[in-house]
């Protein structure tokens, strides 16, 4: 005969729900790097150049992300990379 408590035990369900809710919280807190339109990318790239985070190399037609040393020929790629790089650095700081 089986123990009726085994059928009524919802611990595993609760743990799965808790895990799913924690994953949703992490996803909501992450920086979005998708859907950067051209105008926003140009404005953010200009701000990065003004702040000294990005250097424009005119003769090679690239933008160099100074903290990482990565070079980009697309403003949008640069901005998306910088957002991801910043989010990664912020996550590392939180873990320290």
Protein backbone atom coordinates (compact mmCIF):
# COMPACT_ATOMS: atom_id res chain seq x y z
CA UNK A 1 0.00 0.00 0.00
CA UNK A 2 1.31 3.46 -0.83
CA UNK A 3 1.65 6.27 1.64
CA UNK A 4 -1.03 8.93 0.89
CA UNK A 5 1.41 11.68 1.92
CA UNK A 6 3.54 10.94 -1.14
CA UNK A 7 0.63 11.89 -3.40
CA UNK A 8 -0.09 15.05 -1.42
CA UNK A 9 3.53 16.18 -1.26
CA UNK A 10 3.90 19.36 -3.32
CA UNK A 11 7.47 20.20 -2.26
CA UNK A 12 8.87 19.50 -5.74
CA UNK A 13 6.19 21.70 -7.34
CA UNK A 14 6.97 24.52 -4.93
CA UNK A 15 10.71 24.24 -5.63
CA UNK A 16 10.11 24.33 -9.40
CA UNK A 17 7.88 27.39 -9.03
CA UNK A 18 10.44 29.13 -6.84
CA UNK A 19 13.22 28.37 -9.33
CA UNK A 20 11.11 29.72 -12.21
CA UNK A 21 10.28 32.91 -10.31
CA UNK A 22 13.95 33.49 -9.48
CA UNK A 23 14.87 33.01 -13.14
CA UNK A 24 12.22 35.53 -14.18
CA UNK A 25 13.54 38.04 -11.64
CA UNK A 26 17.09 37.64 -13.01
CA UNK A 27 15.85 38.07 -16.59
CA UNK A 28 13.94 41.22 -15.66
CA UNK A 29 17.01 42.70 -13.96
CA UNK A 30 19.34 42.09 -16.91
CA UNK A 31 20.27 44.87 -19.27
CA UNK A 32 18.62 44.51 -22.65
CA UNK A 33 21.06 44.63 -25.53
CA UNK A 34 18.55 43.93 -28.29
CA UNK A 35 16.49 46.33 -30.34
CA UNK A 36 18.90 49.26 -30.48
CA UNK A 37 17.68 51.51 -33.27
CA UNK A 38 20.04 53.56 -35.42
CA UNK A 39 19.27 56.93 -33.81
CA UNK A 40 19.74 55.61 -30.29
CA UNK A 41 22.95 53.83 -31.30
CA UNK A 42 24.38 57.02 -32.83
CA UNK A 43 23.53 59.05 -29.74
CA UNK A 44 25.00 56.47 -27.35
CA UNK A 45 28.13 56.06 -29.46
CA UNK A 46 28.60 59.83 -29.51
CA UNK A 47 28.28 59.88 -25.72
CA UNK A 48 30.85 57.08 -25.43
CA UNK A 49 33.28 59.02 -27.63
CA UNK A 50 32.72 62.18 -25.56
CA UNK A 51 33.35 60.19 -22.36
CA UNK A 52 36.59 58.72 -23.72
CA UNK A 53 35.28 55.16 -23.64
CA UNK A 54 35.42 54.86 -27.44
CA UNK A 55 38.03 56.16 -29.85
CA UNK A 56 37.24 56.72 -33.51
CA UNK A 57 40.02 55.67 -35.87
CA UNK A 58 39.09 57.62 -39.01
CA UNK A 59 41.66 56.20 -41.43
CA UNK A 60 40.53 52.63 -40.62
CA UNK A 61 36.85 53.55 -40.24
CA UNK A 62 36.52 51.71 -36.93
CA UNK A 63 35.49 52.55 -33.39
CA UNK A 64 37.68 51.11 -30.64
CA UNK A 65 36.11 50.26 -27.30
CA UNK A 66 39.00 51.30 -25.06
CA UNK A 67 38.26 49.26 -21.92
CA UNK A 68 38.17 45.99 -23.86
CA UNK A 69 40.33 46.87 -26.87
CA UNK A 70 37.68 45.58 -29.29
CA UNK A 71 37.25 47.36 -32.64
CA UNK A 72 33.93 47.75 -34.46
CA UNK A 73 32.97 48.98 -37.90
CA UNK A 74 29.30 49.24 -36.91
CA UNK A 75 27.96 51.77 -34.42
CA UNK A 76 25.09 49.47 -33.48
CA UNK A 77 27.45 46.54 -32.80
CA UNK A 78 29.61 48.79 -30.65
CA UNK A 79 26.66 49.98 -28.56
CA UNK A 80 25.26 46.47 -28.11
CA UNK A 81 28.72 45.21 -27.15
CA UNK A 82 29.24 48.06 -24.68
CA UNK A 83 25.87 47.40 -23.02
CA UNK A 84 26.70 43.72 -22.65
CA UNK A 85 30.22 44.48 -21.47
CA UNK A 86 28.91 46.94 -18.88
CA UNK A 87 26.27 44.46 -17.68
CA UNK A 88 28.97 41.78 -17.36
CA UNK A 89 31.20 44.10 -15.36
CA UNK A 90 28.29 45.09 -13.11
CA UNK A 91 27.43 41.41 -12.53
CA UNK A 92 31.04 40.67 -11.60
CA UNK A 93 31.07 43.59 -9.17
CA UNK A 94 27.89 42.30 -7.51
CA UNK A 95 29.42 38.86 -7.10
CA UNK A 96 32.59 40.23 -5.50
